[in-house]
Amino acid sequence: MDSIVYNNKKENSKNTFYSVLSKNITNVNNIALCKLNGKYHELKDNINESGEIELVTFNTEMGLNIYTRTLQFIFIKVALDLFPNSKIKIEHSISKGLFGEIIKDEPLNEEDINLIKDKMKEIIRKNVPINSIRISRDEAINIFKKYGMEDKVLLLKNSNLKEVSLYELEGRYDYFYSQMAYSTGIIKAFDLIYYKPGFILRSPEKENLDELPVYKEERKLRNIFLETERWLTILDIGEVGTLNEKLCSKELQSLILTSEALHEKKIANIADQISNKKDVKVILIAGPSSSGKTTFANRLSIQLKVNGFIPQSLSLDDYFVERVNTPKDENGNYDYESIYALDLELINKSLTSLMNGETVDIPTYNFLTGKREWNGNKIKLAENGILILEGIHGLNPILTSHVDQSKIFKVYISALTQLNLDNHNRISTTDVRKVRRIVRDSLSRGHDAEATLKMWPSIKKGEKNNIFVYQDQADAMFNSTLVYELGLLKSYALKELNKVKENSVVYTEAARLKSILNFFKEVDSSYVPMNSILREFIGGSCFYEY
């Protein structure tokens, strides 16, 4: 992170970060935020103290989020100008972009999308300033009532906020819950494509803001989001505001039990898919951190028993190569997340032998010595036996490259939330998993929230390289999110997030997560079944103990 030293003088007390940066660096358009004396500031803010100004560029995680948020605001402003009586809904990430819908009298078409895109390019070329105002919650509610945005009205009405910061772009006000760029001109690359019945708003990755990544349709993932949308319809929930209303009523127990029943039905359907495939002998389960893989594997095992199988499990952790042979990352550290940290030859040999009905010796990996041990553990599959393997590389074709693929069934699992704060602000699937991980790490691993958040970039890198690129290889996908979960996890997570001190490098991220959680009404854990995915994180699971 680059920086400049600023000496605040009385005669220059009205200086903004933008005005100071303009005199000191060549390209202000690369700067997303400034950090002064431990606090982050937008470029439009006045500088009221001296110190070293650290520069946060758009090539960082925080900067890219601001880039994407700014692009969303430009899109929303233009779309509502062109279609004043429409409703815009930003729904979920897909194909390196954001899927959403424009609900209006006539169905959205490609001509509408091209018109919006041209107007967006125009407003970006004009480099229009984006202003912010701090107003009372009631004033904000009145603005959104005039806009007909009942989703924002309901959310703010049930919140504890006294004041809110709204952003303004050419007379259009909106609320985005986090920082925004100072002008439209910071946008370099973007695309808007028609994706029936809505659109995909595409933005670059932080490594290269000048170009968009190659577009790849993710039809299987889209179908899972559609399924979750149907679940929300069954539960009669739109956004967090409507969820909170149900949590304040007597519908909580019904909401939880129905949500859990939808999960159980989906798991049973996956078990039926496996049964119908006839020759399956191995099930591979993979997904990103805190997806609930262990609980899912246990519940799938039960449903397979119902279908007449005898399921057995095997841990890929026992197939690590010895530590001296473990590959290293660019920093010289052992890379246990590399697929080549596994003994691929032995895995393929073991699986083939098991499929052929043979008895196989199973190694045990000693994490203290970094060596493989043979302790007499053996496994054999019965005629109606089926093996369940869970691990981050489960979908990677290299893992089972020498095994008969007709006998393998692959499942991708993740917490793909479909619940929005409001129509313009989705809740990131990553945020849901972060909160799950913070809660679980504090209860079962003795890690505080600060440690978990510091680890997250490394976790995310491993997921990007080893999991997400292979998700389309899955025969089935399971969305482990539960609509009530952030209300349930709220008290556990806030307890840990409140311990993060202001001078911590992850304080801003902790504060952001707290601001999201504070919009949720708390949920009593006594209604949550012992076999729920969420018991993996809060404790009380019937499958294992912390």
Protein backbone atom coordinates (compact mmCIF):
# COMPACT_ATOMS: atom_id res chain seq x y z
CA MET A 1 0.00 0.00 0.00
CA ASP A 2 1.54 3.33 -1.06
CA SER A 3 1.24 6.44 1.11
CA ILE A 4 1.88 10.18 1.34
CA VAL A 5 2.56 12.32 4.39
CA TYR A 6 0.07 15.14 5.01
CA ASN A 7 0.57 18.05 7.38
CA ASN A 8 -2.78 19.64 8.20
CA LYS A 9 -2.60 23.43 8.46
CA LYS A 10 -5.42 25.73 9.52
CA GLU A 11 -5.53 27.56 6.21
CA ASN A 12 -5.91 24.23 4.39
CA SER A 13 -8.41 22.67 6.77
CA LYS A 14 -11.03 22.44 4.01
CA ASN A 15 -8.82 20.18 1.89
CA THR A 16 -10.37 16.90 0.79
CA PHE A 17 -8.43 13.70 0.28
CA TYR A 18 -9.11 14.08 -3.44
CA SER A 19 -7.64 17.59 -3.62
CA VAL A 20 -4.50 16.53 -1.75
CA LEU A 21 -4.03 13.39 -3.85
CA SER A 22 -4.51 15.37 -7.08
CA LYS A 23 -1.42 17.42 -6.20
CA ASN A 24 0.71 14.47 -5.15
CA ILE A 25 0.00 11.52 -7.44
CA THR A 26 -0.47 11.19 -11.19
CA ASN A 27 -3.58 9.00 -11.37
CA VAL A 28 -6.18 9.63 -8.67
CA ASN A 29 -8.60 7.37 -10.57
CA ASN A 30 -6.69 4.35 -9.25
CA ILE A 31 -7.46 5.23 -5.61
CA ALA A 32 -10.55 3.76 -3.96
CA LEU A 33 -10.06 4.86 -0.33
CA CYS A 34 -7.58 6.58 1.94
CA LYS A 35 -6.53 5.41 5.39
CA LEU A 36 -5.43 8.05 7.89
CA ASN A 37 -4.49 7.27 11.49
CA GLY A 38 -6.19 3.88 11.35
CA LYS A 39 -9.49 5.05 9.82
CA TYR A 40 -10.71 4.71 6.24
CA HIS A 41 -12.00 7.76 4.36
CA GLU A 42 -13.64 8.30 0.99
CA LEU A 43 -11.83 10.71 -1.33
CA LYS A 44 -14.59 13.30 -1.00
CA ASP A 45 -14.08 13.54 2.80
CA ASN A 46 -12.37 16.55 4.40
CA ILE A 47 -8.97 15.99 6.03
CA ASN A 48 -9.10 17.12 9.65
CA GLU A 49 -5.78 15.82 10.98
CA SER A 50 -2.16 15.30 10.04
CA GLY A 51 -0.53 11.96 9.41
CA GLU A 52 0.50 9.40 6.85
CA ILE A 53 -2.24 8.84 4.26
CA GLU A 54 -2.24 5.24 3.07
CA LEU A 55 -3.73 4.66 -0.38
CA VAL A 56 -6.13 1.79 -1.05
CA THR A 57 -6.27 1.07 -4.78
CA PHE A 58 -9.01 -0.61 -6.79
CA ASN A 59 -6.60 -3.54 -7.26
CA THR A 60 -7.32 -4.67 -3.68
CA GLU A 61 -10.24 -6.71 -2.35
CA MET A 62 -11.72 -3.66 -0.62
CA GLY A 63 -11.12 -1.49 -3.67
CA LEU A 64 -12.73 -3.95 -6.06
CA ASN A 65 -15.84 -4.11 -3.86
CA ILE A 66 -16.11 -0.31 -4.13
CA TYR A 67 -15.62 -0.53 -7.91
CA THR A 68 -18.43 -3.08 -8.22
CA ARG A 69 -20.73 -1.15 -5.87
CA THR A 70 -20.17 2.04 -7.89
CA LEU A 71 -20.95 0.18 -11.11
CA GLN A 72 -24.17 -1.11 -9.54
CA PHE A 73 -25.22 2.43 -8.59
CA ILE A 74 -24.59 3.67 -12.13
CA PHE A 75 -26.64 0.78 -13.52
CA ILE A 76 -29.53 1.32 -11.08
CA LYS A 77 -29.63 5.08 -11.73
CA VAL A 78 -29.65 4.65 -15.52
CA ALA A 79 -32.19 1.79 -15.52
CA LEU A 80 -34.62 3.72 -13.29
CA ASP A 81 -34.22 6.85 -15.43
CA LEU A 82 -35.12 4.84 -18.55
CA PHE A 83 -37.85 2.75 -16.88
CA PRO A 84 -39.17 4.95 -14.02
CA ASN A 85 -41.88 2.57 -12.80
CA SER A 86 -39.71 -0.54 -12.77
CA LYS A 87 -38.13 -2.37 -9.85
CA ILE A 88 -34.48 -3.40 -9.97
CA LYS A 89 -33.29 -6.49 -8.10
CA ILE A 90 -29.60 -7.44 -7.83
CA GLU A 91 -29.77 -11.13 -6.92
CA HIS A 92 -26.55 -13.17 -6.90
CA SER A 93 -23.08 -13.61 -8.35
CA ILE A 94 -22.66 -15.80 -11.41
CA SER A 95 -20.30 -16.08 -14.40
CA LYS A 96 -17.89 -13.49 -12.94
CA GLY A 97 -20.72 -10.98 -12.62
CA LEU A 98 -24.00 -10.16 -10.88
CA PHE A 99 -27.33 -11.53 -12.04
CA GLY A 100 -30.40 -9.38 -11.55
CA GLU A 101 -33.83 -8.56 -12.92
CA ILE A 102 -35.71 -5.46 -14.03
CA ILE A 103 -39.38 -5.94 -13.23
CA LYS A 104 -41.50 -3.74 -15.48
CA ASP A 105 -44.70 -3.79 -17.53
CA GLU A 106 -43.07 -5.29 -20.63
CA PRO A 107 -40.59 -8.18 -20.32
CA LEU A 108 -36.95 -7.16 -20.42
CA ASN A 109 -35.26 -7.70 -23.78
CA GLU A 110 -31.84 -7.32 -25.40
CA GLU A 111 -32.73 -3.91 -26.84
CA ASP A 112 -33.46 -2.61 -23.31
CA ILE A 113 -30.10 -3.92 -22.11
CA ASN A 114 -28.18 -2.27 -24.96
CA LEU A 115 -29.94 1.03 -24.27
CA ILE A 116 -28.99 0.87 -20.57
CA LYS A 117 -25.40 -0.05 -21.44
CA ASP A 118 -25.02 2.91 -23.83
CA LYS A 119 -26.36 5.32 -21.19
CA MET A 120 -24.01 3.84 -18.59
CA LYS A 121 -21.03 4.42 -20.88
CA GLU A 122 -22.17 8.00 -21.35
CA ILE A 123 -22.38 8.74 -17.62
CA ILE A 124 -18.98 7.09 -17.07
CA ARG A 125 -17.41 9.26 -19.80
CA LYS A 126 -18.87 12.38 -18.14
CA ASN A 127 -17.06 11.49 -14.88
CA VAL A 128 -20.03 12.58 -12.77
CA PRO A 129 -19.35 13.14 -9.04
CA ILE A 130 -21.05 10.81 -6.57
CA ASN A 131 -22.05 12.73 -3.45
CA SER A 132 -23.06 11.53 0.00
CA ILE A 133 -25.39 12.96 2.62
CA ARG A 134 -25.87 12.01 6.25
CA ILE A 135 -29.54 12.15 7.25
CA SER A 136 -31.85 10.73 9.89
CA ARG A 137 -33.38 7.30 9.43
CA ASP A 138 -36.86 8.87 9.17
CA GLU A 139 -35.72 11.22 6.39
CA ALA A 140 -34.26 8.27 4.49
CA ILE A 141 -37.48 6.31 4.94
CA ASN A 142 -39.46 9.23 3.45
CA ILE A 143 -37.14 9.37 0.42
CA PHE A 144 -37.57 5.65 -0.24
CA LYS A 145 -41.33 5.86 0.28
CA LYS A 146 -41.44 8.44 -2.52
CA TYR A 147 -39.42 6.06 -4.70
CA GLY A 148 -41.83 3.21 -3.88
CA MET A 149 -38.96 1.13 -2.45
CA GLU A 150 -40.86 -0.68 0.29
CA ASP A 151 -38.01 -3.18 0.74
CA LYS A 152 -35.67 -0.40 1.97
CA VAL A 153 -38.46 1.18 4.03
CA LEU A 154 -39.17 -2.12 5.82
CA LEU A 155 -35.49 -2.81 6.51
CA LEU A 156 -34.77 0.68 7.89
CA LYS A 157 -37.99 0.77 9.90
CA ASN A 158 -36.99 -2.38 11.81
CA SER A 159 -33.34 -1.32 12.26
CA ASN A 160 -31.72 0.39 15.25
CA LEU A 161 -30.04 3.02 13.07
CA LYS A 162 -30.53 6.67 13.97
CA GLU A 163 -28.75 8.09 10.91
CA VAL A 164 -27.84 6.73 7.49
CA SER A 165 -25.51 7.82 4.69
CA LEU A 166 -27.17 8.02 1.28
CA TYR A 167 -25.33 8.39 -2.02
CA GLU A 168 -26.53 10.75 -4.74
CA LEU A 169 -25.88 10.55 -8.48
CA GLU A 170 -27.51 13.19 -10.70
CA GLY A 171 -30.47 13.52 -8.34
CA ARG A 172 -30.94 9.80 -7.66
CA TYR A 173 -30.48 8.74 -4.01
CA ASP A 174 -29.73 5.21 -2.80
CA TYR A 175 -28.40 3.34 0.22
CA PHE A 176 -25.53 0.86 -0.18
CA TYR A 177 -24.38 0.03 3.38
CA SER A 178 -20.69 0.60 2.52
CA GLN A 179 -18.27 2.92 0.69
CA MET A 180 -18.66 4.29 -2.82
CA ALA A 181 -16.19 5.80 -5.33
CA TYR A 182 -16.07 9.59 -5.63
CA SER A 183 -17.13 9.67 -9.31
CA THR A 184 -18.36 7.54 -12.20
CA GLY A 185 -15.10 8.01 -14.12
CA ILE A 186 -13.24 5.38 -12.11
CA ILE A 187 -14.99 2.61 -14.06
CA LYS A 188 -12.65 1.20 -16.69
CA ALA A 189 -14.09 -2.10 -17.89
CA PHE A 190 -17.63 -3.47 -17.56
CA ASP A 191 -20.27 -5.25 -19.56
CA LEU A 192 -24.01 -5.69 -19.36
CA ILE A 193 -25.50 -8.71 -21.07
CA TYR A 194 -29.04 -9.98 -21.48
CA TYR A 195 -29.55 -13.24 -19.60
CA LYS A 196 -33.20 -14.22 -19.70
CA PRO A 197 -35.24 -13.20 -17.77
CA GLY A 198 -32.75 -10.62 -16.49
CA PHE A 199 -29.19 -9.45 -16.97
CA ILE A 200 -25.62 -10.05 -15.86
CA LEU A 201 -23.59 -7.00 -14.87
CA ARG A 202 -19.94 -7.92 -15.34
CA SER A 203 -16.92 -6.24 -13.80
CA PRO A 204 -13.17 -7.02 -13.88
CA GLU A 205 -11.10 -8.89 -11.33
CA LYS A 206 -8.71 -6.95 -9.11
CA GLU A 207 -5.63 -8.31 -10.89
CA ASN A 208 -6.61 -6.56 -14.15
CA LEU A 209 -9.13 -3.70 -14.05
CA ASP A 210 -8.71 -2.95 -17.76
CA GLU A 211 -10.13 -6.24 -19.04
CA LEU A 212 -13.02 -8.53 -18.20
CA PRO A 213 -12.42 -12.22 -17.51
CA VAL A 214 -13.63 -14.64 -20.18
CA TYR A 215 -17.39 -15.16 -19.95
CA LYS A 216 -18.45 -18.69 -19.07
CA GLU A 217 -22.09 -19.62 -18.57
CA GLU A 218 -22.76 -21.43 -15.28
CA ARG A 219 -26.10 -23.06 -15.99
CA LYS A 220 -25.96 -25.61 -13.14
CA LEU A 221 -25.23 -22.88 -10.61
CA ARG A 222 -28.04 -20.76 -12.01
CA ASN A 223 -30.47 -23.66 -11.55
CA ILE A 224 -29.49 -23.93 -7.87
CA PHE A 225 -30.21 -20.23 -7.38
CA LEU A 226 -33.59 -20.69 -9.08
CA GLU A 227 -34.34 -23.58 -6.72
CA THR A 228 -33.45 -21.39 -3.72
CA GLU A 229 -35.68 -18.66 -5.11
CA ARG A 230 -38.54 -21.17 -5.14
CA TRP A 231 -37.73 -22.06 -1.53
CA LEU A 232 -38.02 -18.39 -0.54
CA THR A 233 -41.38 -18.23 -2.33
CA ILE A 234 -42.60 -21.25 -0.34
CA LEU A 235 -41.42 -19.52 2.86
CA ASP A 236 -43.03 -16.25 1.72
CA ILE A 237 -39.83 -14.25 2.23
CA GLY A 238 -38.49 -11.56 -0.07
CA GLU A 239 -35.70 -9.67 1.69
CA VAL A 240 -34.36 -9.29 5.23
CA GLY A 241 -37.22 -6.91 6.07
CA THR A 242 -39.89 -9.57 5.45
CA LEU A 243 -37.77 -12.18 7.26
CA ASN A 244 -37.58 -9.95 10.34
CA GLU A 245 -41.35 -9.51 10.34
CA LYS A 246 -41.78 -13.29 10.44
CA LEU A 247 -39.19 -13.63 13.20
CA CYS A 248 -41.12 -11.09 15.27
CA SER A 249 -44.34 -13.06 14.83
CA LYS A 250 -45.27 -16.57 15.96
CA GLU A 251 -44.04 -18.11 12.69
CA LEU A 252 -40.43 -18.74 13.76
CA GLN A 253 -40.76 -22.45 14.54
CA SER A 254 -42.69 -23.12 11.34
CA LEU A 255 -40.11 -21.15 9.34
CA ILE A 256 -37.21 -23.17 10.77
CA LEU A 257 -38.90 -26.55 10.37
CA THR A 258 -40.01 -25.81 6.80
CA SER A 259 -36.51 -24.59 5.87
CA GLU A 260 -34.97 -27.75 7.31
CA ALA A 261 -37.56 -29.92 5.53
CA LEU A 262 -36.61 -28.33 2.19
CA HIS A 263 -33.00 -29.30 2.91
CA GLU A 264 -33.95 -32.86 3.81
CA LYS A 265 -36.06 -33.25 0.69
CA LYS A 266 -33.17 -32.05 -1.49
CA ILE A 267 -30.73 -34.45 0.19
CA ALA A 268 -33.22 -37.29 -0.35
CA ASN A 269 -33.50 -36.29 -4.02
CA ILE A 270 -29.71 -36.46 -4.40
CA ALA A 271 -29.73 -39.93 -2.79
CA ASP A 272 -32.40 -40.95 -5.32
CA GLN A 273 -30.26 -39.61 -8.19
CA ILE A 274 -27.39 -41.78 -6.95
CA SER A 275 -29.67 -44.83 -6.68
CA ASN A 276 -31.02 -44.29 -10.18
CA LYS A 277 -27.51 -44.20 -11.63
CA LYS A 278 -27.18 -47.91 -10.64
CA ASP A 279 -23.39 -48.41 -10.86
CA VAL A 280 -22.21 -45.70 -8.45
CA LYS A 281 -19.67 -46.94 -5.88
CA VAL A 282 -17.97 -43.67 -4.87
CA ILE A 283 -19.46 -40.30 -3.94
CA LEU A 284 -17.13 -37.29 -3.95
CA ILE A 285 -18.25 -34.21 -1.99
CA ALA A 286 -16.50 -30.86 -2.39
CA GLY A 287 -17.21 -27.26 -1.57
CA PRO A 288 -15.64 -24.12 -0.13
CA SER A 289 -14.89 -23.52 3.54
CA SER A 290 -17.82 -23.60 5.98
CA SER A 291 -20.29 -25.02 3.48
CA GLY A 292 -21.43 -27.72 5.90
CA LYS A 293 -19.81 -30.62 4.05
CA THR A 294 -19.48 -32.89 7.10
CA THR A 295 -23.13 -32.61 8.17
CA PHE A 296 -24.27 -32.96 4.56
CA ALA A 297 -22.20 -36.14 4.15
CA ASN A 298 -23.77 -37.62 7.31
CA ARG A 299 -27.31 -36.75 6.24
CA LEU A 300 -26.71 -38.08 2.73
CA SER A 301 -25.39 -41.29 4.28
CA ILE A 302 -28.69 -41.72 6.16
CA GLN A 303 -30.74 -41.19 3.00
CA LEU A 304 -28.55 -43.71 1.16
CA LYS A 305 -29.27 -46.25 3.92
CA VAL A 306 -32.99 -45.61 3.34
CA ASN A 307 -32.36 -46.49 -0.31
CA GLY A 308 -30.70 -49.79 0.59
CA PHE A 309 -27.00 -48.85 0.48
CA ILE A 310 -24.34 -49.50 3.10
CA PRO A 311 -22.34 -46.26 3.08
CA GLN A 312 -18.77 -46.00 4.37
CA SER A 313 -16.57 -42.93 4.61
CA LEU A 314 -12.92 -42.33 3.82
CA SER A 315 -10.82 -39.27 4.65
CA LEU A 316 -8.62 -37.81 1.94
CA ASP A 317 -6.48 -36.31 4.73
CA ASP A 318 -5.00 -39.78 5.27
CA TYR A 319 -3.70 -39.76 1.69
CA PHE A 320 -1.29 -36.85 2.08
CA VAL A 321 2.21 -37.54 0.75
CA GLU A 322 4.90 -37.44 3.40
CA ARG A 323 5.85 -33.92 4.45
CA VAL A 324 9.26 -33.99 2.75
CA ASN A 325 7.46 -34.60 -0.56
CA THR A 326 4.76 -31.95 -0.04
CA PRO A 327 4.86 -29.18 -2.68
CA LYS A 328 5.61 -25.63 -1.55
CA ASP A 329 3.88 -22.38 -2.44
CA GLU A 330 5.48 -19.19 -3.78
CA ASN A 331 6.53 -18.22 -0.24
CA GLY A 332 8.31 -21.49 0.43
CA ASN A 333 5.61 -22.84 2.77
CA TYR A 334 4.16 -26.33 2.51
CA ASP A 335 1.07 -26.15 0.30
CA TYR A 336 -1.33 -28.68 1.78
CA GLU A 337 -4.13 -27.32 -0.42
CA SER A 338 -2.37 -28.38 -3.62
CA ILE A 339 -3.82 -31.50 -5.17
CA TYR A 340 -0.24 -32.76 -5.48
CA ALA A 341 -0.03 -32.81 -1.67
CA LEU A 342 -2.13 -35.98 -2.05
CA ASP A 343 -0.80 -39.37 -3.12
CA LEU A 344 -2.85 -39.53 -6.31
CA GLU A 345 -1.46 -42.89 -7.38
CA LEU A 346 -2.42 -44.53 -4.08
CA ILE A 347 -5.88 -42.90 -4.08
CA ASN A 348 -6.65 -44.21 -7.57
CA LYS A 349 -5.30 -47.66 -6.72
CA SER A 350 -7.36 -47.83 -3.49
CA LEU A 351 -10.59 -46.68 -5.16
CA THR A 352 -10.22 -49.10 -8.08
CA SER A 353 -9.59 -52.01 -5.70
CA LEU A 354 -12.60 -51.07 -3.56
CA MET A 355 -14.82 -50.85 -6.64
CA ASN A 356 -13.68 -54.36 -7.56
CA GLY A 357 -14.77 -55.69 -4.17
CA GLU A 358 -11.26 -56.09 -2.77
CA THR A 359 -10.10 -55.40 0.78
CA VAL A 360 -7.88 -52.33 0.95
CA ASP A 361 -5.33 -51.24 3.58
CA ILE A 362 -5.99 -47.62 4.57
CA PRO A 363 -3.11 -45.40 5.71
CA THR A 364 -3.22 -42.92 8.59
CA TYR A 365 -1.41 -39.62 8.16
CA ASN A 366 0.40 -38.45 11.27
CA PHE A 367 0.20 -34.65 11.23
CA LEU A 368 2.78 -34.37 14.04
CA THR A 369 5.53 -36.34 12.29
CA GLY A 370 4.43 -35.60 8.73
CA LYS A 371 4.66 -39.30 7.92
CA ARG A 372 2.26 -41.97 6.73
CA GLU A 373 1.50 -44.84 9.11
CA TRP A 374 -0.01 -48.26 8.46
CA ASN A 375 -1.99 -49.24 11.55
CA GLY A 376 -3.90 -52.21 10.18
CA ASN A 377 -6.96 -50.22 9.11
CA LYS A 378 -8.79 -52.06 6.36
CA ILE A 379 -11.94 -51.39 4.38
CA LYS A 380 -14.07 -53.43 2.00
CA LEU A 381 -17.27 -52.43 0.26
CA ALA A 382 -20.23 -54.80 0.44
CA GLU A 383 -22.09 -55.60 -2.77
CA ASN A 384 -24.49 -52.78 -1.94
CA GLY A 385 -21.74 -50.68 -0.35
CA ILE A 386 -20.93 -47.13 -1.37
CA LEU A 387 -17.96 -44.97 -0.40
CA ILE A 388 -18.25 -41.30 0.58
CA LEU A 389 -15.19 -39.05 0.26
CA GLU A 390 -15.22 -35.42 1.31
CA GLY A 391 -12.48 -32.91 0.47
CA ILE A 392 -11.62 -29.74 -1.40
CA HIS A 393 -10.35 -31.63 -4.46
CA GLY A 394 -13.39 -33.87 -4.86
CA LEU A 395 -14.45 -32.29 -8.17
CA ASN A 396 -10.97 -32.09 -9.71
CA PRO A 397 -10.73 -34.69 -12.53
CA ILE A 398 -7.07 -35.31 -11.63
CA LEU A 399 -8.07 -36.83 -8.27
CA THR A 400 -9.70 -39.89 -9.87
CA SER A 401 -8.16 -39.81 -13.34
CA HIS A 402 -7.52 -43.60 -13.40
CA VAL A 403 -10.86 -44.65 -11.92
CA ASP A 404 -13.95 -45.75 -13.86
CA GLN A 405 -15.92 -42.48 -14.01
CA SER A 406 -19.25 -44.26 -14.52
CA LYS A 407 -18.98 -45.43 -10.91
CA ILE A 408 -18.40 -41.95 -9.45
CA PHE A 409 -21.01 -39.36 -8.41
CA LYS A 410 -19.82 -35.83 -7.61
CA VAL A 411 -21.64 -33.35 -5.35
CA TYR A 412 -20.85 -29.64 -5.03
CA ILE A 413 -22.02 -27.96 -1.83
CA SER A 414 -21.92 -24.29 -0.86
CA ALA A 415 -23.88 -21.71 1.13
CA LEU A 416 -25.38 -19.83 -1.82
CA THR A 417 -27.55 -17.26 -0.11
CA GLN A 418 -30.41 -15.82 -2.16
CA LEU A 419 -31.54 -13.45 0.58
CA ASN A 420 -30.98 -9.73 -0.01
CA LEU A 421 -30.73 -6.87 2.48
CA ASP A 422 -32.93 -5.05 -0.03
CA ASN A 423 -33.50 -5.19 -3.78
CA HIS A 424 -30.28 -3.31 -4.58
CA ASN A 425 -28.00 -4.95 -2.00
CA ARG A 426 -27.37 -8.67 -1.97
CA ILE A 427 -25.70 -10.56 0.85
CA SER A 428 -22.52 -12.13 -0.49
CA THR A 429 -22.27 -15.91 -0.23
CA THR A 430 -18.71 -15.32 0.99
CA ASP A 431 -20.01 -13.21 3.90
CA VAL A 432 -22.33 -16.00 5.03
CA ARG A 433 -19.46 -18.49 5.05
CA LYS A 434 -17.20 -16.00 6.85
CA VAL A 435 -19.75 -15.65 9.65
CA ARG A 436 -20.15 -19.44 9.86
CA ARG A 437 -16.37 -19.88 10.03
CA ILE A 438 -15.95 -17.20 12.73
CA VAL A 439 -18.56 -18.91 14.91
CA ARG A 440 -17.19 -22.43 14.38
CA ASP A 441 -13.54 -21.42 14.86
CA SER A 442 -14.35 -19.71 18.15
CA LEU A 443 -16.29 -22.71 19.50
CA SER A 444 -14.24 -25.63 18.25
CA ARG A 445 -10.76 -24.44 17.33
CA GLY A 446 -10.01 -21.69 19.84
CA HIS A 447 -9.48 -19.11 17.09
CA ASP A 448 -10.83 -15.60 17.57
CA ALA A 449 -12.54 -13.59 14.82
CA GLU A 450 -9.37 -11.62 14.12
CA ALA A 451 -7.41 -14.80 13.39
CA THR A 452 -10.17 -16.16 11.14
CA LEU A 453 -10.45 -12.92 9.15
CA LYS A 454 -6.67 -12.74 8.74
CA MET A 455 -6.69 -16.29 7.33
CA TRP A 456 -9.52 -15.60 4.90
CA PRO A 457 -7.45 -14.30 1.92
CA SER A 458 -5.47 -17.55 1.97
CA ILE A 459 -8.68 -19.59 2.26
CA LYS A 460 -10.21 -17.67 -0.64
CA LYS A 461 -7.15 -18.21 -2.82
CA GLY A 462 -7.31 -21.96 -2.24
CA GLU A 463 -11.03 -22.03 -3.06
CA LYS A 464 -10.54 -20.08 -6.27
CA ASN A 465 -7.75 -22.38 -7.47
CA ASN A 466 -9.08 -25.73 -6.27
CA ILE A 467 -12.88 -25.62 -6.03
CA PHE A 468 -14.76 -22.97 -7.99
CA VAL A 469 -13.06 -23.81 -11.30
CA TYR A 470 -14.44 -27.36 -11.09
CA GLN A 471 -17.97 -26.75 -9.79
CA ASP A 472 -19.50 -27.50 -13.20
CA GLN A 473 -18.05 -31.04 -12.94
CA ALA A 474 -20.67 -31.85 -10.29
CA ASP A 475 -23.50 -34.30 -10.96
CA ALA A 476 -25.55 -32.57 -8.25
CA MET A 477 -25.38 -29.31 -6.33
CA PHE A 478 -26.62 -28.62 -2.83
CA ASN A 479 -27.23 -25.16 -1.41
CA SER A 480 -26.59 -25.41 2.33
CA THR A 481 -27.81 -21.92 3.22
CA LEU A 482 -30.81 -21.54 5.52
CA VAL A 483 -32.89 -18.40 5.34
CA TYR A 484 -32.85 -17.84 9.11
CA GLU A 485 -29.14 -18.53 9.68
CA LEU A 486 -27.69 -15.03 10.03
CA GLY A 487 -30.31 -14.30 12.70
CA LEU A 488 -29.20 -17.49 14.46
CA LEU A 489 -25.46 -16.85 14.09
CA LYS A 490 -25.78 -13.15 14.99
CA SER A 491 -25.23 -13.36 18.76
CA TYR A 492 -22.36 -15.87 18.43
CA ALA A 493 -20.61 -13.85 15.71
CA LEU A 494 -21.08 -10.41 17.28
CA LYS A 495 -19.54 -11.66 20.52
CA GLU A 496 -16.36 -12.51 18.60
CA LEU A 497 -16.39 -9.56 16.17
CA ASN A 498 -16.72 -7.10 19.05
CA LYS A 499 -13.33 -8.28 20.32
CA VAL A 500 -11.52 -7.03 17.19
CA LYS A 501 -9.67 -3.86 18.19
CA GLU A 502 -9.64 -0.64 16.15
CA ASN A 503 -5.92 -0.94 15.42
CA SER A 504 -6.34 -4.39 13.84
CA VAL A 505 -5.80 -4.75 10.09
CA VAL A 506 -9.16 -6.56 9.90
CA TYR A 507 -11.13 -4.06 12.01
CA THR A 508 -12.89 -2.52 8.99
CA GLU A 509 -13.94 -5.95 7.75
CA ALA A 510 -15.18 -6.88 11.22
CA ALA A 511 -17.18 -3.64 11.39
CA ARG A 512 -18.69 -4.33 7.95
CA LEU A 513 -19.84 -7.80 8.98
CA LYS A 514 -21.30 -6.38 12.21
CA SER A 515 -23.27 -3.80 10.23
CA ILE A 516 -24.84 -6.59 8.14
CA LEU A 517 -25.66 -8.76 11.15
CA ASN A 518 -27.27 -5.84 12.97
CA PHE A 519 -30.06 -5.76 10.37
CA PHE A 520 -31.20 -9.25 11.48
CA LYS A 521 -33.49 -10.09 14.37
CA GLU A 522 -31.97 -12.75 16.63
CA VAL A 523 -33.17 -16.36 16.36
CA ASP A 524 -33.47 -18.69 19.36
CA SER A 525 -31.30 -21.79 18.80
CA SER A 526 -33.66 -24.06 20.77
CA TYR A 527 -35.82 -24.56 17.66
CA VAL A 528 -32.88 -25.71 15.49
CA PRO A 529 -32.85 -29.52 14.95
CA MET A 530 -29.78 -31.51 16.05
CA ASN A 531 -29.11 -32.66 12.47
CA SER A 532 -29.22 -29.14 11.00
CA ILE A 533 -26.29 -27.94 8.90
CA LEU A 534 -26.08 -24.99 11.31
CA ARG A 535 -25.38 -27.29 14.28
CA GLU A 536 -21.98 -27.88 12.65
CA PHE A 537 -21.18 -24.27 13.54
CA ILE A 538 -23.04 -23.49 16.79
CA GLY A 539 -22.64 -26.92 18.42
CA GLY A 540 -25.25 -29.43 19.56
CA SER A 541 -24.97 -31.61 16.44
CA CYS A 542 -26.09 -35.22 16.70
CA PHE A 543 -23.24 -36.24 14.38
CA TYR A 544 -20.25 -35.15 16.48
CA GLU A 545 -19.25 -33.11 19.51
CA TYR A 546 -16.89 -30.15 19.87
